[in-house]
C-alpha atoms as a PDB file:
ATOM      1  CA  UNK A   1      -0.191   0.235  -0.055  1.00  0.00           C
ATOM      2  CA  UNK A   2       1.507   3.266  -1.076  1.00  0.00           C
ATOM      3  CA  UNK A   3       0.745   6.167   1.290  1.00  0.00           C
ATOM      4  CA  UNK A   4       1.042   9.688  -0.435  1.00  0.00           C
ATOM      5  CA  UNK A   5       1.717  12.961   1.800  1.00  0.00           C
ATOM      6  CA  UNK A   6       0.167  16.205   0.976  1.00  0.00           C
ATOM      7  CA  UNK A   7       2.037  18.996   1.592  1.00  0.00           C
ATOM      8  CA  UNK A   8       1.532  22.873   0.777  1.00  0.00           C
ATOM      9  CA  UNK A   9       2.461  23.170  -2.593  1.00  0.00           C
ATOM     10  CA  UNK A  10       2.967  27.014  -3.833  1.00  0.00           C
ATOM     11  CA  UNK A  11       1.481  27.852  -6.759  1.00  0.00           C
ATOM     12  CA  UNK A  12       1.685  31.166  -8.766  1.00  0.00           C
ATOM     13  CA  UNK A  13      -0.814  33.871  -8.959  1.00  0.00           C
ATOM     14  CA  UNK A  14      -0.673  36.226 -11.599  1.00  0.00           C
ATOM     15  CA  UNK A  15      -1.971  39.939 -10.848  1.00  0.00           C
ATOM     16  CA  UNK A  16      -2.722  42.541 -14.007  1.00  0.00           C
ATOM     17  CA  UNK A  17      -3.999  45.840 -12.638  1.00  0.00           C
ATOM     18  CA  UNK A  18      -5.147  47.998 -15.030  1.00  0.00           C
ATOM     19  CA  UNK A  19      -3.880  51.212 -14.078  1.00  0.00           C
ATOM     20  CA  UNK A  20      -6.244  54.717 -15.463  1.00  0.00           C
ATOM     21  CA  UNK A  21      -5.457  58.035 -14.303  1.00  0.00           C
ATOM     22  CA  UNK A  22      -7.382  61.170 -13.638  1.00  0.00           C
ATOM     23  CA  UNK A  23      -5.466  64.467 -14.074  1.00  0.00           C
ATOM     24  CA  UNK A  24      -6.340  66.934 -10.515  1.00  0.00           C
ATOM     25  CA  UNK A  25      -4.845  70.207 -10.954  1.00  0.00           C
ATOM     26  CA  UNK A  26      -4.459  70.652  -7.217  1.00  0.00           C
ATOM     27  CA  UNK A  27      -2.031  67.845  -7.107  1.00  0.00           C
ATOM     28  CA  UNK A  28       1.198  68.411  -8.386  1.00  0.00           C
ATOM     29  CA  UNK A  29       4.770  66.429  -7.028  1.00  0.00           C
ATOM     30  CA  UNK A  30       7.891  65.344  -8.942  1.00  0.00           C
ATOM     31  CA  UNK A  31       9.484  62.034  -9.323  1.00  0.00           C
ATOM     32  CA  UNK A  32       9.042  58.558 -11.312  1.00  0.00           C
ATOM     33  CA  UNK A  33       5.809  56.591 -10.572  1.00  0.00           C
ATOM     34  CA  UNK A  34       5.057  53.279  -9.405  1.00  0.00           C
ATOM     35  CA  UNK A  35       2.460  50.534  -9.173  1.00  0.00           C
ATOM     36  CA  UNK A  36       3.213  48.881  -5.836  1.00  0.00           C
ATOM     37  CA  UNK A  37       1.896  45.177  -4.787  1.00  0.00           C
ATOM     38  CA  UNK A  38       1.166  44.188  -1.189  1.00  0.00           C
ATOM     39  CA  UNK A  39      -0.282  41.449   0.602  1.00  0.00           C
ATOM     40  CA  UNK A  40      -3.585  42.208   2.530  1.00  0.00           C
ATOM     41  CA  UNK A  41      -6.160  45.106   3.084  1.00  0.00           C
ATOM     42  CA  UNK A  42      -4.294  47.905   4.103  1.00  0.00           C
ATOM     43  CA  UNK A  43      -6.577  50.604   4.716  1.00  0.00           C
ATOM     44  CA  UNK A  44      -5.107  52.905   7.965  1.00  0.00           C
ATOM     45  CA  UNK A  45      -1.296  51.643   7.796  1.00  0.00           C
ATOM     46  CA  UNK A  46       1.569  52.201   4.865  1.00  0.00           C
ATOM     47  CA  UNK A  47       1.317  48.617   2.729  1.00  0.00           C
ATOM     48  CA  UNK A  48       4.483  46.089   2.902  1.00  0.00           C
ATOM     49  CA  UNK A  49       5.282  46.425  -1.061  1.00  0.00           C
ATOM     50  CA  UNK A  50       6.069  43.182  -2.368  1.00  0.00           C
ATOM     51  CA  UNK A  51       6.846  44.545  -5.603  1.00  0.00           C
ATOM     52  CA  UNK A  52       7.114  47.344  -7.727  1.00  0.00           C
ATOM     53  CA  UNK A  53       6.343  48.379 -11.391  1.00  0.00           C
ATOM     54  CA  UNK A  54       7.129  51.485 -12.799  1.00  0.00           C
ATOM     55  CA  UNK A  55       4.117  53.391 -14.393  1.00  0.00           C
ATOM     56  CA  UNK A  56       4.051  56.587 -16.277  1.00  0.00           C
ATOM     57  CA  UNK A  57       1.681  58.966 -15.096  1.00  0.00           C
ATOM     58  CA  UNK A  58      -1.818  60.362 -17.689  1.00  0.00           C
ATOM     59  CA  UNK A  59      -1.039  57.117 -19.289  1.00  0.00           C
ATOM     60  CA  UNK A  60      -3.047  53.504 -19.307  1.00  0.00           C
ATOM     61  CA  UNK A  61      -1.465  50.458 -19.193  1.00  0.00           C
ATOM     62  CA  UNK A  62      -1.379  47.088 -17.005  1.00  0.00           C
ATOM     63  CA  UNK A  63       0.785  46.776 -13.961  1.00  0.00           C
ATOM     64  CA  UNK A  64       2.119  42.825 -13.797  1.00  0.00           C
ATOM     65  CA  UNK A  65       2.886  41.098 -10.723  1.00  0.00           C
ATOM     66  CA  UNK A  66       3.586  37.257 -10.255  1.00  0.00           C
ATOM     67  CA  UNK A  67       3.460  35.968  -6.249  1.00  0.00           C
ATOM     68  CA  UNK A  68       4.079  32.644  -4.929  1.00  0.00           C
ATOM     69  CA  UNK A  69       1.698  31.086  -2.486  1.00  0.00           C
ATOM     70  CA  UNK A  70       0.472  28.323  -1.254  1.00  0.00           C
ATOM     71  CA  UNK A  71      -2.787  30.032   0.250  1.00  0.00           C
ATOM     72  CA  UNK A  72      -5.300  32.447  -0.635  1.00  0.00           C
ATOM     73  CA  UNK A  73      -4.104  35.949  -0.007  1.00  0.00           C
ATOM     74  CA  UNK A  74      -5.838  39.666  -0.410  1.00  0.00           C
ATOM     75  CA  UNK A  75      -3.216  41.325  -3.120  1.00  0.00           C
ATOM     76  CA  UNK A  76      -3.154  44.808  -2.936  1.00  0.00           C
ATOM     77  CA  UNK A  77      -1.637  47.286  -6.107  1.00  0.00           C
ATOM     78  CA  UNK A  78      -1.115  50.784  -5.380  1.00  0.00           C
ATOM     79  CA  UNK A  79       0.283  53.879  -7.337  1.00  0.00           C
ATOM     80  CA  UNK A  80       2.936  56.392  -5.847  1.00  0.00           C
ATOM     81  CA  UNK A  81       5.059  59.182  -7.009  1.00  0.00           C
ATOM     82  CA  UNK A  82       8.527  58.114  -5.708  1.00  0.00           C
ATOM     83  CA  UNK A  83       9.505  61.727  -4.440  1.00  0.00           C
ATOM     84  CA  UNK A  84      12.597  61.160  -3.408  1.00  0.00           C
ATOM     85  CA  UNK A  85      14.148  58.605  -5.907  1.00  0.00           C
ATOM     86  CA  UNK A  86      15.304  55.670  -4.071  1.00  0.00           C
ATOM     87  CA  UNK A  87      12.702  53.731  -6.115  1.00  0.00           C
ATOM     88  CA  UNK A  88      10.244  52.552  -3.036  1.00  0.00           C
ATOM     89  CA  UNK A  89       7.692  53.658  -1.022  1.00  0.00           C
ATOM     90  CA  UNK A  90       7.908  55.846   1.749  1.00  0.00           C
ATOM     91  CA  UNK A  91       5.126  56.160   3.902  1.00  0.00           C
ATOM     92  CA  UNK A  92       6.414  59.252   6.028  1.00  0.00           C
ATOM     93  CA  UNK A  93       6.872  61.467   2.663  1.00  0.00           C
ATOM     94  CA  UNK A  94       4.810  60.239  -0.308  1.00  0.00           C
ATOM     95  CA  UNK A  95       1.127  59.673  -0.777  1.00  0.00           C
ATOM     96  CA  UNK A  96      -0.733  57.162  -2.631  1.00  0.00           C
ATOM     97  CA  UNK A  97      -2.821  58.572  -4.755  1.00  0.00           C
ATOM     98  CA  UNK A  98      -4.778  55.108  -6.206  1.00  0.00           C
ATOM     99  CA  UNK A  99      -5.466  51.520  -4.947  1.00  0.00           C
ATOM    100  CA  UNK A 100      -7.229  48.661  -5.339  1.00  0.00           C
ATOM    101  CA  UNK A 101      -7.121  44.880  -3.727  1.00  0.00           C
ATOM    102  CA  UNK A 102      -8.756  41.222  -4.985  1.00  0.00           C
ATOM    103  CA  UNK A 103      -8.653  37.819  -3.373  1.00  0.00           C
ATOM    104  CA  UNK A 104      -6.474  35.728  -5.149  1.00  0.00           C
ATOM    105  CA  UNK A 105      -5.889  31.770  -4.457  1.00  0.00           C
ATOM    106  CA  UNK A 106      -2.805  29.773  -5.627  1.00  0.00           C
ATOM    107  CA  UNK A 107      -2.587  29.643  -9.212  1.00  0.00           C
ATOM    108  CA  UNK A 108      -5.180  32.184  -9.929  1.00  0.00           C
ATOM    109  CA  UNK A 109      -4.947  34.903 -12.749  1.00  0.00           C
ATOM    110  CA  UNK A 110      -6.042  37.973 -11.013  1.00  0.00           C
ATOM    111  CA  UNK A 111      -7.475  41.502 -12.360  1.00  0.00           C
ATOM    112  CA  UNK A 112      -8.681  44.814 -11.074  1.00  0.00           C
ATOM    113  CA  UNK A 113      -8.540  48.499 -12.159  1.00  0.00           C
ATOM    114  CA  UNK A 114      -7.072  51.073  -9.733  1.00  0.00           C
ATOM    115  CA  UNK A 115      -7.870  54.183 -10.882  1.00  0.00           C
ATOM    116  CA  UNK A 116      -4.811  56.891  -9.661  1.00  0.00           C
ATOM    117  CA  UNK A 117      -4.632  60.558  -9.896  1.00  0.00           C
ATOM    118  CA  UNK A 118      -1.860  62.894 -10.520  1.00  0.00           C
END
């Protein structure tokens, strides 16, 4: 008799975030813009970044991410301007201008739209 032991097997979740933009005249910053992937739903606290994709303000595009996991997760994509040029999000000095989240199980393809302003 053969006995098989099932273990947690990681599978990739592919996340595609369609970035759309609104030009808000009151908001003016300079720097590179990024879409940032994080886990969970961060409303009152700063999200912890997993990955970044550079985006161009005013140009609709898709930011694509891949994350290996063995369990379902909420995936959040947020857009921000990297004002200090260090290539990452700094919650003390940079503002998120758009965010959205969706649930993804291992092996899923997750799609969402993030409406951001610049």
